[in-house]
């Protein structure tokens, strides 16, 4: 009979391949979301709006929310057709990294480009975050799902 994992052994089970690696990927994708959120809000405030333009700031902030929503919907609809879950997770992290880094090209005259990069980076996050949470939970035994879900 297989012994249940203790919380201390969750990270070392199967040399870290079943839980620790997907958990680290989940941390990485979450960090990129926070990075895009901070950079995009700063760009809105510094480059694209002036004091008192609240409506325009709210409109510009929708790019990030719609990107996350679109990524999650695409994962739910297209993800099962594509299969190859590890490659999907890698691709979503790569997209969030690439388009988040491309926000470094921002200038006040490149508003449309910045909106597109924010949307595409957030799309990568929306796809990758929900996939990583599901993938993290696959790495533990049934009795450890509470601990693993909390860590995810």
C-alpha atoms as a PDB file:
ATOM      1  CA  UNK A   1       0.000   0.000   0.000  1.00  0.00           C
ATOM      2  CA  UNK A   2       1.362   3.366  -1.007  1.00  0.00           C
ATOM      3  CA  UNK A   3       2.055   5.755   1.854  1.00  0.00           C
ATOM      4  CA  UNK A   4       0.589   9.260   1.521  1.00  0.00           C
ATOM      5  CA  UNK A   5       3.041  12.083   1.076  1.00  0.00           C
ATOM      6  CA  UNK A   6       3.728  14.314   4.016  1.00  0.00           C
ATOM      7  CA  UNK A   7       3.895  18.063   3.434  1.00  0.00           C
ATOM      8  CA  UNK A   8       7.677  17.838   3.858  1.00  0.00           C
ATOM      9  CA  UNK A   9       7.957  15.225   1.102  1.00  0.00           C
ATOM     10  CA  UNK A  10       5.677  16.869  -1.481  1.00  0.00           C
ATOM     11  CA  UNK A  11       8.531  18.848  -3.022  1.00  0.00           C
ATOM     12  CA  UNK A  12      10.969  15.918  -3.130  1.00  0.00           C
ATOM     13  CA  UNK A  13       8.622  13.239  -4.470  1.00  0.00           C
ATOM     14  CA  UNK A  14       9.957  11.783  -7.727  1.00  0.00           C
ATOM     15  CA  UNK A  15      12.956  14.132  -7.522  1.00  0.00           C
ATOM     16  CA  UNK A  16      10.670  17.159  -7.660  1.00  0.00           C
ATOM     17  CA  UNK A  17       9.275  16.369 -11.096  1.00  0.00           C
ATOM     18  CA  UNK A  18       5.675  15.711 -10.111  1.00  0.00           C
ATOM     19  CA  UNK A  19       5.030  18.763  -7.958  1.00  0.00           C
ATOM     20  CA  UNK A  20       8.017  21.068  -7.535  1.00  0.00           C
ATOM     21  CA  UNK A  21       8.634  21.781 -11.234  1.00  0.00           C
ATOM     22  CA  UNK A  22       4.994  22.648 -12.067  1.00  0.00           C
ATOM     23  CA  UNK A  23       4.808  24.688  -8.866  1.00  0.00           C
ATOM     24  CA  UNK A  24       7.855  26.720  -9.895  1.00  0.00           C
ATOM     25  CA  UNK A  25       6.295  27.255 -13.341  1.00  0.00           C
ATOM     26  CA  UNK A  26       3.147  28.526 -11.606  1.00  0.00           C
ATOM     27  CA  UNK A  27       5.227  30.955  -9.566  1.00  0.00           C
ATOM     28  CA  UNK A  28       6.972  32.187 -12.692  1.00  0.00           C
ATOM     29  CA  UNK A  29       3.767  32.856 -14.600  1.00  0.00           C
ATOM     30  CA  UNK A  30       2.277  34.662 -11.592  1.00  0.00           C
ATOM     31  CA  UNK A  31       5.351  36.863 -11.373  1.00  0.00           C
ATOM     32  CA  UNK A  32       4.981  37.872 -15.007  1.00  0.00           C
ATOM     33  CA  UNK A  33       1.380  38.866 -14.394  1.00  0.00           C
ATOM     34  CA  UNK A  34       2.449  41.115 -11.537  1.00  0.00           C
ATOM     35  CA  UNK A  35       5.224  42.570 -13.689  1.00  0.00           C
ATOM     36  CA  UNK A  36       2.872  43.391 -16.552  1.00  0.00           C
ATOM     37  CA  UNK A  37       0.336  44.845 -14.111  1.00  0.00           C
ATOM     38  CA  UNK A  38       2.869  47.198 -12.552  1.00  0.00           C
ATOM     39  CA  UNK A  39       4.453  48.242 -15.847  1.00  0.00           C
ATOM     40  CA  UNK A  40       1.136  48.778 -17.648  1.00  0.00           C
ATOM     41  CA  UNK A  41      -0.369  50.842 -14.827  1.00  0.00           C
ATOM     42  CA  UNK A  42       2.771  52.970 -14.712  1.00  0.00           C
ATOM     43  CA  UNK A  43       2.695  53.466 -18.482  1.00  0.00           C
ATOM     44  CA  UNK A  44      -0.940  54.544 -18.325  1.00  0.00           C
ATOM     45  CA  UNK A  45      -0.192  57.060 -15.614  1.00  0.00           C
ATOM     46  CA  UNK A  46       3.062  58.443 -17.006  1.00  0.00           C
ATOM     47  CA  UNK A  47       2.654  58.285 -20.804  1.00  0.00           C
ATOM     48  CA  UNK A  48      -0.980  58.017 -21.808  1.00  0.00           C
ATOM     49  CA  UNK A  49      -3.079  60.039 -19.361  1.00  0.00           C
ATOM     50  CA  UNK A  50      -2.815  63.260 -17.470  1.00  0.00           C
ATOM     51  CA  UNK A  51      -4.311  64.260 -14.150  1.00  0.00           C
ATOM     52  CA  UNK A  52      -8.093  63.942 -14.148  1.00  0.00           C
ATOM     53  CA  UNK A  53      -8.429  61.615 -17.161  1.00  0.00           C
ATOM     54  CA  UNK A  54      -9.935  58.795 -15.146  1.00  0.00           C
ATOM     55  CA  UNK A  55     -12.191  57.524 -17.913  1.00  0.00           C
ATOM     56  CA  UNK A  56      -9.299  57.127 -20.352  1.00  0.00           C
ATOM     57  CA  UNK A  57      -7.210  55.374 -17.693  1.00  0.00           C
ATOM     58  CA  UNK A  58     -10.037  52.919 -17.026  1.00  0.00           C
ATOM     59  CA  UNK A  59     -10.444  52.239 -20.756  1.00  0.00           C
ATOM     60  CA  UNK A  60      -6.736  51.582 -21.168  1.00  0.00           C
ATOM     61  CA  UNK A  61      -6.654  49.243 -18.185  1.00  0.00           C
ATOM     62  CA  UNK A  62      -9.193  46.951 -19.872  1.00  0.00           C
ATOM     63  CA  UNK A  63      -6.479  45.558 -22.164  1.00  0.00           C
ATOM     64  CA  UNK A  64      -4.989  43.543 -19.339  1.00  0.00           C
ATOM     65  CA  UNK A  65      -8.285  42.179 -18.038  1.00  0.00           C
ATOM     66  CA  UNK A  66      -9.486  41.154 -21.484  1.00  0.00           C
ATOM     67  CA  UNK A  67      -6.153  39.461 -22.134  1.00  0.00           C
ATOM     68  CA  UNK A  68      -6.490  37.305 -19.013  1.00  0.00           C
ATOM     69  CA  UNK A  69     -10.102  36.466 -19.873  1.00  0.00           C
ATOM     70  CA  UNK A  70      -9.241  35.598 -23.469  1.00  0.00           C
ATOM     71  CA  UNK A  71      -6.340  33.377 -22.393  1.00  0.00           C
ATOM     72  CA  UNK A  72      -8.516  31.472 -19.942  1.00  0.00           C
ATOM     73  CA  UNK A  73     -11.294  31.006 -22.512  1.00  0.00           C
ATOM     74  CA  UNK A  74      -8.805  29.859 -25.159  1.00  0.00           C
ATOM     75  CA  UNK A  75      -7.318  27.345 -22.744  1.00  0.00           C
ATOM     76  CA  UNK A  76     -10.774  25.960 -22.066  1.00  0.00           C
ATOM     77  CA  UNK A  77     -11.760  25.741 -25.719  1.00  0.00           C
ATOM     78  CA  UNK A  78      -8.552  25.176 -27.676  1.00  0.00           C
ATOM     79  CA  UNK A  79      -6.312  23.626 -25.015  1.00  0.00           C
ATOM     80  CA  UNK A  80      -7.879  20.195 -25.157  1.00  0.00           C
ATOM     81  CA  UNK A  81      -7.648  20.138 -28.944  1.00  0.00           C
ATOM     82  CA  UNK A  82      -3.964  21.091 -28.906  1.00  0.00           C
ATOM     83  CA  UNK A  83      -3.008  18.585 -26.126  1.00  0.00           C
ATOM     84  CA  UNK A  84       0.745  18.606 -25.229  1.00  0.00           C
ATOM     85  CA  UNK A  85       0.129  20.289 -21.850  1.00  0.00           C
ATOM     86  CA  UNK A  86       3.795  20.771 -20.964  1.00  0.00           C
ATOM     87  CA  UNK A  87       4.412  22.588 -24.246  1.00  0.00           C
ATOM     88  CA  UNK A  88       1.330  24.728 -23.725  1.00  0.00           C
ATOM     89  CA  UNK A  89       2.625  25.753 -20.307  1.00  0.00           C
ATOM     90  CA  UNK A  90       6.043  26.517 -21.768  1.00  0.00           C
ATOM     91  CA  UNK A  91       4.481  28.515 -24.628  1.00  0.00           C
ATOM     92  CA  UNK A  92       2.295  30.562 -22.313  1.00  0.00           C
ATOM     93  CA  UNK A  93       5.267  31.429 -20.111  1.00  0.00           C
ATOM     94  CA  UNK A  94       7.273  32.340 -23.218  1.00  0.00           C
ATOM     95  CA  UNK A  95       4.452  34.583 -24.502  1.00  0.00           C
ATOM     96  CA  UNK A  96       4.066  36.356 -21.170  1.00  0.00           C
ATOM     97  CA  UNK A  97       7.833  36.849 -21.012  1.00  0.00           C
ATOM     98  CA  UNK A  98       8.207  38.069 -24.582  1.00  0.00           C
ATOM     99  CA  UNK A  99       5.331  40.532 -24.642  1.00  0.00           C
ATOM    100  CA  UNK A 100       5.991  41.728 -21.103  1.00  0.00           C
ATOM    101  CA  UNK A 101       9.576  42.486 -22.099  1.00  0.00           C
ATOM    102  CA  UNK A 102       8.447  44.240 -25.277  1.00  0.00           C
ATOM    103  CA  UNK A 103       6.622  46.765 -23.085  1.00  0.00           C
ATOM    104  CA  UNK A 104      10.100  48.194 -22.550  1.00  0.00           C
ATOM    105  CA  UNK A 105       9.777  49.762 -26.016  1.00  0.00           C
ATOM    106  CA  UNK A 106       7.017  52.068 -24.784  1.00  0.00           C
ATOM    107  CA  UNK A 107       6.981  55.754 -25.665  1.00  0.00           C
ATOM    108  CA  UNK A 108       4.093  58.226 -25.494  1.00  0.00           C
ATOM    109  CA  UNK A 109       3.572  57.871 -29.252  1.00  0.00           C
ATOM    110  CA  UNK A 110       3.310  54.037 -29.185  1.00  0.00           C
ATOM    111  CA  UNK A 111       0.066  53.629 -27.298  1.00  0.00           C
ATOM    112  CA  UNK A 112      -1.467  51.061 -29.673  1.00  0.00           C
ATOM    113  CA  UNK A 113       1.637  48.904 -29.624  1.00  0.00           C
ATOM    114  CA  UNK A 114       1.660  48.947 -25.826  1.00  0.00           C
ATOM    115  CA  UNK A 115      -2.017  47.978 -25.673  1.00  0.00           C
ATOM    116  CA  UNK A 116      -1.332  45.027 -27.991  1.00  0.00           C
ATOM    117  CA  UNK A 117       1.699  43.849 -26.009  1.00  0.00           C
ATOM    118  CA  UNK A 118      -0.202  44.140 -22.739  1.00  0.00           C
ATOM    119  CA  UNK A 119      -3.118  42.159 -24.160  1.00  0.00           C
ATOM    120  CA  UNK A 120      -0.883  39.421 -25.591  1.00  0.00           C
ATOM    121  CA  UNK A 121       1.239  39.148 -22.435  1.00  0.00           C
ATOM    122  CA  UNK A 122      -1.886  38.909 -20.314  1.00  0.00           C
ATOM    123  CA  UNK A 123      -3.304  36.334 -22.718  1.00  0.00           C
ATOM    124  CA  UNK A 124      -0.226  34.209 -22.046  1.00  0.00           C
ATOM    125  CA  UNK A 125      -0.812  34.640 -18.325  1.00  0.00           C
ATOM    126  CA  UNK A 126      -4.512  33.729 -18.568  1.00  0.00           C
ATOM    127  CA  UNK A 127      -3.650  30.580 -20.489  1.00  0.00           C
ATOM    128  CA  UNK A 128      -0.711  29.593 -18.302  1.00  0.00           C
ATOM    129  CA  UNK A 129      -2.050  30.346 -14.847  1.00  0.00           C
ATOM    130  CA  UNK A 130      -5.105  28.122 -15.044  1.00  0.00           C
ATOM    131  CA  UNK A 131      -3.107  25.411 -16.745  1.00  0.00           C
ATOM    132  CA  UNK A 132      -0.390  25.560 -14.087  1.00  0.00           C
ATOM    133  CA  UNK A 133      -2.902  25.279 -11.234  1.00  0.00           C
ATOM    134  CA  UNK A 134      -4.392  22.145 -12.799  1.00  0.00           C
ATOM    135  CA  UNK A 135      -0.939  20.771 -13.559  1.00  0.00           C
ATOM    136  CA  UNK A 136       0.262  21.408  -9.992  1.00  0.00           C
ATOM    137  CA  UNK A 137      -2.650  19.441  -8.559  1.00  0.00           C
ATOM    138  CA  UNK A 138      -1.820  16.451 -10.773  1.00  0.00           C
ATOM    139  CA  UNK A 139       1.543  16.150  -9.017  1.00  0.00           C
ATOM    140  CA  UNK A 140       0.206  15.000  -5.660  1.00  0.00           C
ATOM    141  CA  UNK A 141      -1.721  12.104  -4.265  1.00  0.00           C
ATOM    142  CA  UNK A 142      -5.420  12.383  -3.520  1.00  0.00           C
ATOM    143  CA  UNK A 143      -4.848  12.823   0.217  1.00  0.00           C
ATOM    144  CA  UNK A 144      -2.532  15.790  -0.355  1.00  0.00           C
ATOM    145  CA  UNK A 145      -4.821  17.873  -2.593  1.00  0.00           C
ATOM    146  CA  UNK A 146      -5.645  20.335   0.196  1.00  0.00           C
ATOM    147  CA  UNK A 147      -1.997  21.195   0.842  1.00  0.00           C
ATOM    148  CA  UNK A 148      -1.165  21.251  -2.850  1.00  0.00           C
ATOM    149  CA  UNK A 149      -4.197  23.417  -3.688  1.00  0.00           C
ATOM    150  CA  UNK A 150      -3.188  25.896  -1.012  1.00  0.00           C
ATOM    151  CA  UNK A 151       0.340  26.080  -2.381  1.00  0.00           C
ATOM    152  CA  UNK A 152      -0.937  26.437  -5.945  1.00  0.00           C
END
